[in-house]
Amino acid sequence: MSLSILQEALVRPMRRLWLPITVGVAVIAATMPAAAAPASRPCGWHPVDTPNPIMQGDNSLLAVDIVSWDDAWAVGSIFDGEHQPLAQHWDGRKWSVVPTPTPPESSGAAFLLDVDISGTSDGWAVGSYTTFDGTAVTTHGLVERWNGVDWTIQEFPDPLNMNVDLASVVALSPEDVWAAGASFDPSYETGRPFTAHFDGASWSVITVLDRAGWISDVTAVAGDDVWAVGAAGQNSSNSMPLVLHWDGSEWAMQRTPDVSEPALLSGITAVDGDDIWAAGWSEADAGRLAEPLVEHWDGRKWRVSETPHPSAYGVLSGISAASATDVWAVGFFIKDQREQVLVEHWDGQEWSVARADEPESAINAGLQDVSTLPDGRSWAVGLSYKPNGMRRTLAMRKDCPGL
């Protein structure tokens, strides 16, 4: 089964959680050179060639992280009869596929759904994979680590009688890493927010809260100041935004503004402990399916930050801050019966829609994640659909200051 970009974004928490169990998403790649930018090209977001080795299958990029302008990573999946993890690396000139192992016991569904690179020789990627014992399918958390040479699968706890999907990872140091997502009972009917912590030697499951929901993204200001967002509820049709905070000893649910239900938060980014942004979507007024949702933490409370609505349908999937006056959020909107990339910018005063070129020959396109450098240069990744119906990896960069 294949989902449109709209459907994937509406279940973004399941993009990293329930999606691997029910949907075929996949990717492998062949190295392709990046086109040189014309000197007269206006400042904005522009597509850059990315590898798509499975030309008759599906290819998707779901997360991105920048170390420097000549060192960035993106992860996702490929499908060519089986789902396999995908990692791509930007070396300043082109994107290239870097091999990522698939667990040998996988039953044909393995995905990487987030990446956090702390240096040239240390990085983490997380996702999930399934196994089949002849009777039932079980989903396991997948953790892979970059050592500067290759990606290797890491041991990860497997809670008894539970399915685990990992949605996000953040590394404060090699001895302080968080992974988050959801755990499910064997029937997959009820999910619970799930976190685990790596102390430099091993992973340990950390109890979050006993209520239906899931975590979509996690970020960290310090070891005792970690934030996670997602949704409370059994699925995206009855969910409400969920914000959790780790104070060094326990997770606590935070109060968030009342918004139209259903709603959820799919991305979070921190400038500092008193300046944190989260993005997602909420049900809109009559005549709208969904509208972008951005919330802001000022050190005292969360508030809704008004965002523009370029059409009757709009969703934000990822958010990243370069500074207090330079924050980017990405997703997609529908106009003229086409799903198109959406990029919004915070300049310290208000949000506005930024200029973004559509990928060539795509009938639909959307962005899933964004990562920024302190100087404002940025990458965003996602997927596009070609006229033949195949999914293709999508990467867009902004290599100039401002909009």
Protein backbone atom coordinates (compact mmCIF):
# COMPACT_ATOMS: atom_id res chain seq x y z
CA MET A 1 0.00 0.00 0.00
CA SER A 2 1.29 3.47 -0.79
CA LEU A 3 0.30 6.71 0.94
CA SER A 4 0.21 10.14 -0.58
CA ILE A 5 2.31 12.87 1.01
CA LEU A 6 -0.90 14.22 2.53
CA GLN A 7 -1.72 10.90 4.16
CA GLU A 8 1.84 10.45 5.41
CA ALA A 9 1.92 13.89 6.97
CA LEU A 10 -1.43 13.41 8.66
CA VAL A 11 0.00 10.34 10.33
CA ARG A 12 3.47 11.82 10.81
CA PRO A 13 3.70 10.41 14.33
CA MET A 14 3.05 7.09 12.64
CA ARG A 15 5.49 8.18 9.93
CA ARG A 16 7.99 6.97 12.45
CA LEU A 17 5.70 4.73 14.47
CA TRP A 18 2.77 2.89 12.96
CA LEU A 19 3.73 3.62 9.35
CA PRO A 20 6.44 0.93 9.18
CA ILE A 21 3.93 -1.78 10.02
CA THR A 22 1.23 -0.80 7.58
CA VAL A 23 2.92 0.97 4.69
CA GLY A 24 5.56 0.24 2.09
CA VAL A 25 8.18 2.94 2.03
CA ALA A 26 11.68 2.33 0.72
CA VAL A 27 14.90 3.58 -0.76
CA ILE A 28 18.41 2.82 -2.02
CA ALA A 29 20.56 5.13 -4.08
CA ALA A 30 23.07 5.83 -6.81
CA THR A 31 25.38 8.79 -6.52
CA MET A 32 24.29 11.78 -8.58
CA PRO A 33 26.11 15.14 -8.84
CA ALA A 34 24.53 18.29 -7.51
CA ALA A 35 23.76 20.92 -10.10
CA ALA A 36 25.78 24.09 -9.76
CA ALA A 37 23.77 27.10 -8.60
CA PRO A 38 23.51 29.89 -11.18
CA ALA A 39 25.12 33.07 -9.94
CA SER A 40 21.87 34.98 -10.52
CA ARG A 41 19.65 32.48 -8.73
CA PRO A 42 17.50 34.32 -6.15
CA CYS A 43 17.82 33.49 -2.47
CA GLY A 44 15.44 30.71 -1.53
CA TRP A 45 15.08 26.96 -1.31
CA HIS A 46 16.21 24.92 -4.31
CA PRO A 47 16.14 21.16 -5.04
CA VAL A 48 19.48 19.33 -5.26
CA ASP A 49 19.91 15.96 -6.96
CA THR A 50 19.85 12.95 -4.64
CA PRO A 51 20.46 9.28 -5.43
CA ASN A 52 17.56 6.98 -6.31
CA PRO A 53 18.99 3.53 -7.06
CA ILE A 54 15.63 1.73 -6.95
CA MET A 55 14.19 3.22 -10.10
CA GLN A 56 11.19 0.88 -10.15
CA GLY A 57 10.60 1.11 -6.40
CA ASP A 58 9.99 3.73 -3.73
CA ASN A 59 12.64 6.00 -2.24
CA SER A 60 12.10 8.37 0.70
CA LEU A 61 14.14 10.68 2.91
CA LEU A 62 12.57 11.37 6.30
CA ALA A 63 15.20 13.16 8.41
CA VAL A 64 18.31 15.31 8.00
CA ASP A 65 21.09 16.65 10.25
CA ILE A 66 23.90 19.09 9.41
CA VAL A 67 27.38 18.95 10.92
CA SER A 68 28.83 21.61 8.58
CA TRP A 69 28.11 22.87 5.08
CA ASP A 70 30.20 20.06 3.60
CA ASP A 71 29.01 17.38 6.03
CA ALA A 72 25.32 16.50 6.29
CA TRP A 73 23.35 13.26 6.66
CA ALA A 74 19.87 12.20 5.64
CA VAL A 75 18.08 8.93 6.38
CA GLY A 76 14.95 7.16 5.18
CA SER A 77 14.10 3.92 3.43
CA ILE A 78 13.86 2.10 0.12
CA PHE A 79 11.45 -0.51 -1.19
CA ASP A 80 12.27 -3.11 -3.80
CA GLY A 81 10.16 -6.02 -2.62
CA GLU A 82 11.50 -5.47 0.90
CA HIS A 83 11.88 -2.37 3.06
CA GLN A 84 15.50 -1.45 3.80
CA PRO A 85 17.20 1.40 5.66
CA LEU A 86 18.72 4.24 3.68
CA ALA A 87 21.45 6.75 4.59
CA GLN A 88 22.84 9.46 2.35
CA HIS A 89 25.80 11.79 2.96
CA TRP A 90 26.50 15.29 1.61
CA ASP A 91 30.23 16.05 1.19
CA GLY A 92 29.86 19.63 -0.04
CA ARG A 93 29.52 18.58 -3.70
CA LYS A 94 27.01 15.76 -3.95
CA TRP A 95 24.78 13.36 -2.05
CA SER A 96 25.94 9.73 -1.97
CA VAL A 97 24.48 6.57 -0.48
CA VAL A 98 26.38 5.14 2.50
CA PRO A 99 25.63 1.46 3.24
CA THR A 100 23.45 0.79 6.27
CA PRO A 101 22.93 -2.74 7.61
CA THR A 102 19.54 -4.41 7.86
CA PRO A 103 19.03 -6.69 10.88
CA PRO A 104 19.48 -10.26 9.57
CA GLU A 105 16.33 -11.39 11.38
CA SER A 106 14.19 -8.68 9.72
CA SER A 107 11.08 -10.00 8.00
CA GLY A 108 11.34 -7.44 5.21
CA ALA A 109 10.43 -4.16 6.92
CA ALA A 110 13.32 -2.04 8.23
CA PHE A 111 13.40 1.77 8.34
CA LEU A 112 15.61 4.63 9.54
CA LEU A 113 13.48 7.56 10.64
CA ASP A 114 15.77 10.03 12.39
CA VAL A 115 19.45 10.93 12.54
CA ASP A 116 21.64 13.00 14.87
CA ILE A 117 25.31 13.52 14.03
CA SER A 118 27.49 14.97 16.77
CA GLY A 119 30.76 14.90 14.81
CA THR A 120 32.60 13.42 11.86
CA SER A 121 33.16 10.16 13.75
CA ASP A 122 30.05 9.83 15.91
CA GLY A 123 26.41 9.75 14.94
CA TRP A 124 23.15 7.93 15.60
CA ALA A 125 20.19 6.86 13.49
CA VAL A 126 17.01 5.20 14.74
CA GLY A 127 13.92 3.54 13.32
CA SER A 128 12.33 0.11 13.47
CA TYR A 129 12.27 -3.34 11.91
CA THR A 130 9.90 -6.28 12.05
CA THR A 131 10.29 -10.00 12.64
CA PHE A 132 7.83 -12.81 11.95
CA ASP A 133 7.78 -16.04 13.96
CA GLY A 134 5.28 -17.81 11.73
CA THR A 135 2.34 -16.56 13.77
CA ALA A 136 2.74 -12.88 14.62
CA VAL A 137 4.70 -9.83 13.48
CA THR A 138 6.76 -8.04 16.14
CA THR A 139 8.25 -4.57 15.73
CA HIS A 140 11.62 -3.76 17.31
CA GLY A 141 13.54 -0.54 17.80
CA LEU A 142 16.43 -0.18 15.37
CA VAL A 143 19.51 1.78 16.44
CA GLU A 144 22.56 2.27 14.21
CA ARG A 145 25.76 4.16 15.02
CA TRP A 146 28.27 5.95 12.78
CA ASN A 147 31.93 5.66 13.80
CA GLY A 148 33.44 7.73 11.01
CA VAL A 149 33.88 4.71 8.75
CA ASP A 150 30.61 2.78 8.68
CA TRP A 151 27.19 2.31 10.24
CA THR A 152 26.69 -0.63 12.63
CA ILE A 153 23.62 -1.99 14.41
CA GLN A 154 23.62 -1.42 18.17
CA GLU A 155 22.10 -3.58 20.88
CA PHE A 156 18.80 -2.14 22.06
CA PRO A 157 16.43 -3.31 24.82
CA ASP A 158 13.42 -5.35 23.72
CA PRO A 159 10.64 -4.94 26.32
CA LEU A 160 8.77 -8.17 27.02
CA ASN A 161 5.49 -8.55 25.11
CA MET A 162 5.79 -5.09 23.57
CA ASN A 163 6.37 -3.70 20.08
CA VAL A 164 8.70 -0.70 19.89
CA ASP A 165 8.97 1.95 17.15
CA LEU A 166 11.67 4.61 17.48
CA ALA A 167 10.86 8.00 15.99
CA SER A 168 13.65 10.30 17.10
CA VAL A 169 17.16 10.49 18.53
CA VAL A 170 19.24 13.25 20.09
CA ALA A 171 22.84 13.01 21.32
CA LEU A 172 24.22 15.47 23.87
CA SER A 173 27.48 13.51 24.01
CA PRO A 174 28.68 9.94 23.37
CA GLU A 175 27.59 9.16 26.95
CA ASP A 176 24.23 10.95 26.87
CA VAL A 177 21.87 9.92 24.06
CA TRP A 178 18.05 9.76 24.00
CA ALA A 179 15.84 7.74 21.66
CA ALA A 180 12.06 8.14 21.67
CA GLY A 181 8.94 6.84 19.96
CA ALA A 182 6.16 4.54 21.10
CA SER A 183 5.58 1.08 22.49
CA PHE A 184 2.56 -1.03 21.61
CA ASP A 185 0.85 -4.06 23.06
CA PRO A 186 0.87 -7.20 20.85
CA SER A 187 -2.43 -6.22 19.21
CA TYR A 188 -1.12 -2.74 18.22
CA GLU A 189 -4.38 -1.30 19.53
CA THR A 190 -2.83 0.94 22.18
CA GLY A 191 0.42 2.88 21.96
CA ARG A 192 2.32 4.56 24.79
CA PRO A 193 5.08 7.19 24.65
CA PHE A 194 8.46 5.46 24.88
CA THR A 195 11.98 6.69 25.69
CA ALA A 196 15.34 5.03 26.22
CA HIS A 197 18.68 6.48 27.34
CA PHE A 198 22.26 5.54 26.41
CA ASP A 199 24.90 6.23 29.09
CA GLY A 200 27.95 5.36 27.02
CA ALA A 201 27.77 1.66 27.83
CA SER A 202 24.20 0.46 27.31
CA TRP A 203 20.62 1.50 26.63
CA SER A 204 17.99 1.60 29.39
CA VAL A 205 14.23 2.05 29.01
CA ILE A 206 13.03 5.14 30.91
CA THR A 207 9.36 5.23 31.94
CA VAL A 208 7.44 8.16 30.47
CA LEU A 209 3.74 8.12 31.33
CA ASP A 210 0.98 5.55 31.24
CA ARG A 211 -1.44 7.01 28.71
CA ALA A 212 -2.21 6.50 25.04
CA GLY A 213 -0.01 8.47 22.69
CA TRP A 214 3.37 8.61 21.01
CA ILE A 215 6.50 10.73 20.68
CA SER A 216 7.42 12.12 17.26
CA ASP A 217 10.54 14.16 18.03
CA VAL A 218 12.99 14.92 20.83
CA THR A 219 15.53 17.69 21.43
CA ALA A 220 17.91 18.54 24.27
CA VAL A 221 19.26 21.76 25.76
CA ALA A 222 21.21 20.00 28.53
CA GLY A 223 21.29 16.67 30.35
CA ASP A 224 18.58 17.89 32.70
CA ASP A 225 16.62 19.82 30.08
CA VAL A 226 15.27 17.46 27.40
CA TRP A 227 12.00 17.98 25.51
CA ALA A 228 9.82 15.64 23.49
CA VAL A 229 6.67 16.24 21.44
CA GLY A 230 4.03 14.09 19.82
CA ALA A 231 0.39 13.39 20.47
CA ALA A 232 -1.87 12.11 23.22
CA GLY A 233 -4.55 9.77 21.95
CA GLN A 234 -4.91 6.41 20.25
CA ASN A 235 -4.56 7.71 16.69
CA SER A 236 -4.35 10.90 14.66
CA SER A 237 -8.15 11.19 14.35
CA ASN A 238 -8.60 11.88 18.09
CA SER A 239 -5.17 13.15 19.15
CA MET A 240 -4.10 16.31 20.94
CA PRO A 241 -0.60 17.85 21.17
CA LEU A 242 1.73 16.22 23.69
CA VAL A 243 4.77 17.94 25.21
CA LEU A 244 7.04 16.16 27.70
CA HIS A 245 10.01 17.47 29.69
CA TRP A 246 12.92 15.60 31.33
CA ASP A 247 14.42 17.42 34.32
CA GLY A 248 17.24 14.98 34.98
CA SER A 249 15.20 12.58 37.07
CA GLU A 250 11.80 12.06 35.42
CA TRP A 251 9.57 12.89 32.48
CA ALA A 252 6.59 15.20 33.11
CA MET A 253 3.77 16.16 30.78
CA GLN A 254 3.53 19.90 30.11
CA ARG A 255 0.42 22.01 29.71
CA THR A 256 -0.16 23.14 26.12
CA PRO A 257 -2.62 25.63 24.60
CA ASP A 258 -6.10 24.49 23.65
CA VAL A 259 -6.34 23.93 19.89
CA SER A 260 -8.89 22.36 17.57
CA GLU A 261 -8.99 18.57 17.82
CA PRO A 262 -7.46 16.51 16.32
CA ALA A 263 -3.98 18.01 16.46
CA LEU A 264 -0.40 16.87 17.00
CA LEU A 265 3.18 18.10 17.17
CA SER A 266 5.70 16.40 14.90
CA GLY A 267 8.90 18.42 15.34
CA ILE A 268 10.73 20.36 18.06
CA THR A 269 13.83 22.58 18.15
CA ALA A 270 15.55 24.61 20.88
CA VAL A 271 17.41 27.91 20.69
CA ASP A 272 17.97 27.74 24.46
CA GLY A 273 16.04 26.67 27.55
CA ASP A 274 13.68 29.65 27.30
CA ASP A 275 13.20 29.64 23.55
CA ILE A 276 11.80 26.39 22.15
CA TRP A 277 9.63 25.81 19.09
CA ALA A 278 7.36 22.92 18.11
CA ALA A 279 5.49 22.38 14.83
CA GLY A 280 2.72 20.14 13.55
CA TRP A 281 -0.87 20.54 12.43
CA SER A 282 -4.39 20.89 13.77
CA GLU A 283 -7.90 20.54 12.43
CA ALA A 284 -8.87 23.81 10.84
CA ASP A 285 -12.05 25.81 10.51
CA ALA A 286 -14.94 24.59 8.40
CA GLY A 287 -13.80 24.00 4.83
CA ARG A 288 -10.23 23.13 5.82
CA LEU A 289 -8.80 19.68 6.43
CA ALA A 290 -5.72 20.73 8.38
CA GLU A 291 -3.64 23.82 9.00
CA PRO A 292 -0.06 24.38 10.17
CA LEU A 293 0.40 24.55 13.94
CA VAL A 294 3.40 26.15 15.68
CA GLU A 295 3.78 26.47 19.45
CA HIS A 296 6.47 28.36 21.41
CA TRP A 297 7.93 27.96 24.91
CA ASP A 298 9.21 31.20 26.47
CA GLY A 299 10.48 29.70 29.71
CA ARG A 300 7.11 30.00 31.45
CA LYS A 301 4.40 28.60 29.21
CA TRP A 302 3.60 27.25 25.76
CA ARG A 303 1.67 29.53 23.41
CA VAL A 304 0.36 29.15 19.87
CA SER A 305 2.33 31.22 17.35
CA GLU A 306 0.20 32.28 14.39
CA THR A 307 1.36 30.97 11.02
CA PRO A 308 0.21 31.73 7.46
CA HIS A 309 -2.06 29.26 5.66
CA PRO A 310 -1.19 29.14 1.95
CA SER A 311 -4.19 26.93 1.16
CA ALA A 312 -7.05 25.00 2.73
CA TYR A 313 -4.69 22.09 3.44
CA GLY A 314 -1.36 22.52 5.14
CA VAL A 315 0.87 20.48 7.44
CA LEU A 316 4.23 21.13 9.12
CA SER A 317 6.45 18.09 9.72
CA GLY A 318 9.83 19.45 10.84
CA ILE A 319 11.32 22.55 12.46
CA SER A 320 14.87 23.82 13.12
CA ALA A 321 16.27 27.02 14.65
CA ALA A 322 19.47 28.78 13.64
CA SER A 323 18.86 31.55 16.17
CA ALA A 324 16.07 33.36 17.99
CA THR A 325 15.37 35.35 14.82
CA ASP A 326 15.93 32.58 12.26
CA VAL A 327 13.66 29.53 12.58
CA TRP A 328 12.50 27.28 9.74
CA ALA A 329 9.55 24.90 9.52
CA VAL A 330 8.77 22.60 6.59
CA GLY A 331 5.95 20.40 5.35
CA PHE A 332 3.52 20.57 2.46
CA PHE A 333 0.27 22.16 1.32
CA ILE A 334 -2.30 21.32 -1.33
CA LYS A 335 -3.13 23.76 -4.08
CA ASP A 336 -4.63 23.14 -7.50
CA GLN A 337 -5.07 19.49 -6.48
CA ARG A 338 -1.30 19.07 -6.05
CA GLU A 339 0.75 18.45 -2.92
CA GLN A 340 3.54 21.06 -2.87
CA VAL A 341 6.48 21.81 -0.60
CA LEU A 342 5.84 24.27 2.22
CA VAL A 343 8.60 26.28 3.92
CA GLU A 344 7.82 28.85 6.62
CA HIS A 345 10.21 31.25 8.37
CA TRP A 346 10.28 33.06 11.73
CA ASP A 347 12.26 36.32 11.68
CA GLY A 348 11.84 37.20 15.35
CA GLN A 349 8.56 38.99 14.75
CA GLU A 350 6.30 36.83 12.61
CA TRP A 351 6.04 33.72 10.45
CA SER A 352 5.94 34.01 6.66
CA VAL A 353 5.91 31.61 3.72
CA ALA A 354 9.36 31.38 2.15
CA ARG A 355 10.22 30.99 -1.52
CA ALA A 356 10.75 27.33 -2.46
CA ASP A 357 11.17 25.85 -5.94
CA GLU A 358 9.22 22.73 -6.85
CA PRO A 359 11.27 19.65 -7.84
CA GLU A 360 11.41 19.11 -11.58
CA SER A 361 8.80 16.78 -13.14
CA ALA A 362 7.18 15.96 -9.78
CA ILE A 363 3.40 15.67 -9.66
CA ASN A 364 3.43 15.86 -5.83
CA ALA A 365 6.13 16.79 -3.33
CA GLY A 366 6.50 17.38 0.39
CA LEU A 367 9.20 17.98 3.01
CA GLN A 368 9.58 15.90 6.17
CA ASP A 369 12.49 17.47 8.07
CA VAL A 370 14.85 20.45 8.15
CA SER A 371 18.23 21.21 9.74
CA THR A 372 20.01 24.56 9.98
CA LEU A 373 23.50 25.89 10.69
CA PRO A 374 24.03 28.94 12.95
CA ASP A 375 24.72 31.08 9.87
CA GLY A 376 21.28 30.22 8.45
CA ARG A 377 22.30 27.82 5.69
CA SER A 378 19.95 24.86 5.72
CA TRP A 379 18.91 21.52 4.29
CA ALA A 380 15.42 20.03 4.10
CA VAL A 381 14.48 16.54 2.92
CA GLY A 382 11.36 14.64 1.94
CA LEU A 383 9.95 12.88 -1.09
CA SER A 384 8.30 13.53 -4.42
CA TYR A 385 6.07 11.53 -6.75
CA LYS A 386 6.92 11.21 -10.41
CA PRO A 387 4.29 10.73 -13.16
CA ASN A 388 4.93 6.96 -13.06
CA GLY A 389 3.78 6.90 -9.42
CA MET A 390 7.20 6.09 -7.96
CA ARG A 391 8.52 7.93 -4.90
CA ARG A 392 11.82 9.72 -5.22
CA THR A 393 14.13 11.19 -2.59
CA LEU A 394 13.99 14.97 -2.27
CA ALA A 395 16.60 17.32 -0.80
CA MET A 396 16.39 21.12 -0.85
CA ARG A 397 18.99 23.58 0.33
CA LYS A 398 19.12 27.24 1.26
CA ASP A 399 22.71 28.43 0.83
CA CYS A 400 22.15 32.12 1.40
CA PRO A 401 21.11 34.30 4.39
CA GLY A 402 17.54 35.45 4.84
CA LEU A 403 14.58 34.16 2.87
